[in-house]
Structures are given as structure tokens and as C-alpha cells.
Amino acid sequence: MASPSGNEVIVIVDDEDFIRDVFGHALRTMGYTVLEAKDGEHALQVMQEHHAPVHLVISDIAMPEMDGLEFVGLLRAAYPGMPALLVSGQGPQYMMDNRDRVPDGVDFLAKPVTIGELLSKVRKMLDAGLQEPG
């Protein structure tokens, strides 16, 4: 199995500081550059101000103001084809019930998620994105 480490840029979008801190720490420890945002609007601002490519966005689904699926729609309008990983305690059934709102290239992890599961999924998504023709 490939190492879950890397050097790509990842944006974490979650309204809970604790989740951003835990996910961010785990990803930074593995060598990733991590940008954090408390909601979708903030994430788009952070990405625009970063002035360098972002390789993956990890977003909670259940957030005030704008849910993760709405955010992914705006994300894709601004950054077509951007890979996104949605994380939620609502479970996979939520994704099935909302599949018409889920664009291609969006994956899902159900909370609670282990750091190992997160790192493995992130690496798989990044590797898949790197293999697509440019």
C-alpha cells in the first residue's frame, strides 16, 4: 500500500474547530499543506487568496448557512473538476438520497472516521486525480 503522505495542498471546510484541528494536524504531519475554513464562503475566499493550486477539498456536509453539497456546487463553478471529499455523521444513505446533487469526483466518508481512513482516502483521491489527463 502506498504511503498516505504527500505534499499537495488540501482545504478543510468544517464549522467545528476541533474537526479542523484534528484533520489539519494529521494531514500536516504527513507533509500536506493545509488551509482551513469555517464554512463554504470562507473556503472559496481562502482558496482565492492562496494563489497556488489546491489539490483537494475536504468538507463537512452539515454546516450552518450553506451545506457541504451546496458548497461543492459553488466550488465546482469556480474550480471545475476540483476533487472533494465530503464527511458527515449522516451516513452513506444521505449521499444516496442526494446523489442528484453530488457531482463526479466527489467522494464520501462517514463519521466517525479514523485518521487512518482519512489519510488513506485522501491519498487515493489525490492519486486518482494525478492520473487523469490534464
C-alpha atoms as a PDB file:
ATOM      1  CA  MET A   1       0.000   0.000   0.000  1.00  0.00           C
ATOM      2  CA  ALA A   2       1.247   3.483  -0.861  1.00  0.00           C
ATOM      3  CA  SER A   3       2.162   5.803   1.953  1.00  0.00           C
ATOM      4  CA  PRO A   4      -0.656   8.228   2.820  1.00  0.00           C
ATOM      5  CA  SER A   5       1.864  11.082   2.893  1.00  0.00           C
ATOM      6  CA  GLY A   6       2.190  13.804   0.290  1.00  0.00           C
ATOM      7  CA  ASN A   7       2.978  17.413  -0.454  1.00  0.00           C
ATOM      8  CA  GLU A   8      -0.291  18.573  -2.019  1.00  0.00           C
ATOM      9  CA  VAL A   9      -2.482  21.440  -0.836  1.00  0.00           C
ATOM     10  CA  ILE A  10      -5.722  20.471   0.902  1.00  0.00           C
ATOM     11  CA  VAL A  11      -8.529  22.721   2.148  1.00  0.00           C
ATOM     12  CA  ILE A  12     -10.548  21.580   5.177  1.00  0.00           C
ATOM     13  CA  VAL A  13     -14.017  23.113   5.491  1.00  0.00           C
ATOM     14  CA  ASP A  14     -15.838  22.485   8.758  1.00  0.00           C
ATOM     15  CA  ASP A  15     -17.708  24.708  11.183  1.00  0.00           C
ATOM     16  CA  GLU A  16     -16.231  22.757  14.131  1.00  0.00           C
ATOM     17  CA  ASP A  17     -12.791  23.983  15.206  1.00  0.00           C
ATOM     18  CA  PHE A  18     -11.998  20.590  16.752  1.00  0.00           C
ATOM     19  CA  ILE A  19     -12.508  18.721  13.455  1.00  0.00           C
ATOM     20  CA  ARG A  20     -10.416  21.235  11.517  1.00  0.00           C
ATOM     21  CA  ASP A  21      -7.685  20.968  14.158  1.00  0.00           C
ATOM     22  CA  VAL A  22      -7.612  17.149  14.223  1.00  0.00           C
ATOM     23  CA  PHE A  23      -7.813  16.653  10.443  1.00  0.00           C
ATOM     24  CA  GLY A  24      -5.378  19.521   9.837  1.00  0.00           C
ATOM     25  CA  HIS A  25      -2.822  18.190  12.312  1.00  0.00           C
ATOM     26  CA  ALA A  26      -2.974  14.678  10.839  1.00  0.00           C
ATOM     27  CA  LEU A  27      -2.567  15.945   7.272  1.00  0.00           C
ATOM     28  CA  ARG A  28       0.233  18.380   8.140  1.00  0.00           C
ATOM     29  CA  THR A  29       2.074  15.596   9.965  1.00  0.00           C
ATOM     30  CA  MET A  30       2.010  13.616   6.696  1.00  0.00           C
ATOM     31  CA  GLY A  31       3.520  16.541   4.745  1.00  0.00           C
ATOM     32  CA  TYR A  32       0.431  18.155   3.223  1.00  0.00           C
ATOM     33  CA  THR A  33      -0.122  21.896   3.170  1.00  0.00           C
ATOM     34  CA  VAL A  34      -3.463  22.509   4.854  1.00  0.00           C
ATOM     35  CA  LEU A  35      -5.704  25.537   4.541  1.00  0.00           C
ATOM     36  CA  GLU A  36      -8.697  25.780   6.853  1.00  0.00           C
ATOM     37  CA  ALA A  37     -12.098  27.413   6.531  1.00  0.00           C
ATOM     38  CA  LYS A  38     -15.103  27.574   8.834  1.00  0.00           C
ATOM     39  CA  ASP A  39     -17.668  27.499   6.006  1.00  0.00           C
ATOM     40  CA  GLY A  40     -18.012  27.315   2.237  1.00  0.00           C
ATOM     41  CA  GLU A  41     -17.872  31.047   1.611  1.00  0.00           C
ATOM     42  CA  HIS A  42     -14.713  31.326   3.720  1.00  0.00           C
ATOM     43  CA  ALA A  43     -13.191  28.343   1.866  1.00  0.00           C
ATOM     44  CA  LEU A  44     -13.655  29.974  -1.532  1.00  0.00           C
ATOM     45  CA  GLN A  45     -12.036  33.154  -0.179  1.00  0.00           C
ATOM     46  CA  VAL A  46      -9.102  31.189   1.306  1.00  0.00           C
ATOM     47  CA  MET A  47      -8.566  29.359  -1.990  1.00  0.00           C
ATOM     48  CA  GLN A  48      -8.604  32.584  -3.992  1.00  0.00           C
ATOM     49  CA  GLU A  49      -6.125  34.240  -1.614  1.00  0.00           C
ATOM     50  CA  HIS A  50      -3.790  31.210  -1.655  1.00  0.00           C
ATOM     51  CA  HIS A  51      -2.599  31.989  -5.223  1.00  0.00           C
ATOM     52  CA  ALA A  52      -1.402  28.429  -5.814  1.00  0.00           C
ATOM     53  CA  PRO A  53      -3.130  25.212  -6.862  1.00  0.00           C
ATOM     54  CA  VAL A  54      -5.350  23.418  -4.388  1.00  0.00           C
ATOM     55  CA  HIS A  55      -5.468  19.669  -4.962  1.00  0.00           C
ATOM     56  CA  LEU A  56      -8.364  18.525  -2.757  1.00  0.00           C
ATOM     57  CA  VAL A  57     -11.147  19.950  -0.618  1.00  0.00           C
ATOM     58  CA  ILE A  58     -12.478  18.110   2.433  1.00  0.00           C
ATOM     59  CA  SER A  59     -15.836  19.437   3.609  1.00  0.00           C
ATOM     60  CA  ASP A  60     -18.361  18.585   6.260  1.00  0.00           C
ATOM     61  CA  ILE A  61     -21.873  18.195   4.867  1.00  0.00           C
ATOM     62  CA  ALA A  62     -23.829  19.604   7.818  1.00  0.00           C
ATOM     63  CA  MET A  63     -22.844  23.240   8.253  1.00  0.00           C
ATOM     64  CA  PRO A  64     -24.894  26.354   9.019  1.00  0.00           C
ATOM     65  CA  GLU A  65     -25.693  28.782   6.219  1.00  0.00           C
ATOM     66  CA  MET A  66     -24.544  26.530   3.348  1.00  0.00           C
ATOM     67  CA  ASP A  67     -24.385  22.734   3.471  1.00  0.00           C
ATOM     68  CA  GLY A  68     -21.480  20.793   2.013  1.00  0.00           C
ATOM     69  CA  LEU A  69     -23.352  19.801  -1.142  1.00  0.00           C
ATOM     70  CA  GLU A  70     -24.269  23.412  -1.888  1.00  0.00           C
ATOM     71  CA  PHE A  71     -20.650  24.393  -1.236  1.00  0.00           C
ATOM     72  CA  VAL A  72     -19.375  21.713  -3.643  1.00  0.00           C
ATOM     73  CA  GLY A  73     -21.685  23.150  -6.316  1.00  0.00           C
ATOM     74  CA  LEU A  74     -20.138  26.610  -5.838  1.00  0.00           C
ATOM     75  CA  LEU A  75     -16.666  25.099  -5.626  1.00  0.00           C
ATOM     76  CA  ARG A  76     -17.123  23.353  -8.963  1.00  0.00           C
ATOM     77  CA  ALA A  77     -18.445  26.542 -10.566  1.00  0.00           C
ATOM     78  CA  ALA A  78     -15.259  28.355  -9.506  1.00  0.00           C
ATOM     79  CA  TYR A  79     -12.863  25.382  -9.864  1.00  0.00           C
ATOM     80  CA  PRO A  80     -14.235  22.885 -12.401  1.00  0.00           C
ATOM     81  CA  GLY A  81     -13.211  19.307 -11.680  1.00  0.00           C
ATOM     82  CA  MET A  82     -11.853  20.042  -8.183  1.00  0.00           C
ATOM     83  CA  PRO A  83     -11.883  16.770  -6.211  1.00  0.00           C
ATOM     84  CA  ALA A  84     -13.873  16.941  -3.000  1.00  0.00           C
ATOM     85  CA  LEU A  85     -14.295  14.620  -0.049  1.00  0.00           C
ATOM     86  CA  LEU A  86     -17.494  15.079   1.933  1.00  0.00           C
ATOM     87  CA  VAL A  87     -17.519  13.936   5.542  1.00  0.00           C
ATOM     88  CA  SER A  88     -20.690  13.527   7.567  1.00  0.00           C
ATOM     89  CA  GLY A  89     -22.244  11.840  10.529  1.00  0.00           C
ATOM     90  CA  GLN A  90     -25.416  11.482   8.458  1.00  0.00           C
ATOM     91  CA  GLY A  91     -24.117   8.307   6.837  1.00  0.00           C
ATOM     92  CA  PRO A  92     -23.958   6.983   3.281  1.00  0.00           C
ATOM     93  CA  GLN A  93     -27.757   6.939   2.936  1.00  0.00           C
ATOM     94  CA  TYR A  94     -27.710  10.746   2.900  1.00  0.00           C
ATOM     95  CA  MET A  95     -25.408  10.664  -0.109  1.00  0.00           C
ATOM     96  CA  MET A  96     -27.639   8.112  -1.841  1.00  0.00           C
ATOM     97  CA  ASP A  97     -30.724  10.246  -1.164  1.00  0.00           C
ATOM     98  CA  ASN A  98     -28.945  13.305  -2.584  1.00  0.00           C
ATOM     99  CA  ARG A  99     -26.990  11.648  -5.417  1.00  0.00           C
ATOM    100  CA  ASP A 100     -28.527  14.042  -7.964  1.00  0.00           C
ATOM    101  CA  ARG A 101     -26.710  16.858  -6.107  1.00  0.00           C
ATOM    102  CA  VAL A 102     -23.344  15.059  -5.985  1.00  0.00           C
ATOM    103  CA  PRO A 103     -21.021  15.856  -8.919  1.00  0.00           C
ATOM    104  CA  ASP A 104     -18.486  13.387 -10.310  1.00  0.00           C
ATOM    105  CA  GLY A 105     -15.192  13.387  -8.425  1.00  0.00           C
ATOM    106  CA  VAL A 106     -16.878  13.778  -5.044  1.00  0.00           C
ATOM    107  CA  ASP A 107     -16.330  11.004  -2.510  1.00  0.00           C
ATOM    108  CA  PHE A 108     -17.708  10.413   0.974  1.00  0.00           C
ATOM    109  CA  LEU A 109     -16.544   9.298   4.417  1.00  0.00           C
ATOM    110  CA  ALA A 110     -18.985   8.635   7.263  1.00  0.00           C
ATOM    111  CA  LYS A 111     -18.185   9.961  10.750  1.00  0.00           C
ATOM    112  CA  PRO A 112     -16.809   8.766  12.985  1.00  0.00           C
ATOM    113  CA  VAL A 113     -13.768   8.402  10.775  1.00  0.00           C
ATOM    114  CA  THR A 114     -10.342   7.272  11.906  1.00  0.00           C
ATOM    115  CA  ILE A 115      -7.265   9.256  10.960  1.00  0.00           C
ATOM    116  CA  GLY A 116      -6.030   6.195   9.052  1.00  0.00           C
ATOM    117  CA  GLU A 117      -9.245   6.092   6.997  1.00  0.00           C
ATOM    118  CA  LEU A 118      -8.978   9.813   6.300  1.00  0.00           C
ATOM    119  CA  LEU A 119      -5.337   9.646   5.226  1.00  0.00           C
ATOM    120  CA  SER A 120      -5.926   6.594   3.047  1.00  0.00           C
ATOM    121  CA  LYS A 121      -8.950   8.151   1.295  1.00  0.00           C
ATOM    122  CA  VAL A 122      -7.121  11.446   0.755  1.00  0.00           C
ATOM    123  CA  ARG A 123      -4.132   9.693  -0.816  1.00  0.00           C
ATOM    124  CA  LYS A 124      -6.368   7.559  -3.080  1.00  0.00           C
ATOM    125  CA  MET A 125      -8.283  10.617  -4.260  1.00  0.00           C
ATOM    126  CA  LEU A 126      -5.113  12.616  -4.899  1.00  0.00           C
ATOM    127  CA  ASP A 127      -3.510   9.721  -6.785  1.00  0.00           C
ATOM    128  CA  ALA A 128      -6.644   9.279  -8.902  1.00  0.00           C
ATOM    129  CA  GLY A 129      -6.621  12.980  -9.708  1.00  0.00           C
ATOM    130  CA  LEU A 130      -2.957  12.913 -10.671  1.00  0.00           C
ATOM    131  CA  GLN A 131      -3.594  10.092 -13.156  1.00  0.00           C
ATOM    132  CA  GLU A 132      -6.320  11.961 -15.055  1.00  0.00           C
ATOM    133  CA  PRO A 133      -5.173  13.641 -18.291  1.00  0.00           C
ATOM    134  CA  GLY A 134      -4.567  17.261 -17.762  1.00  0.00           C
END
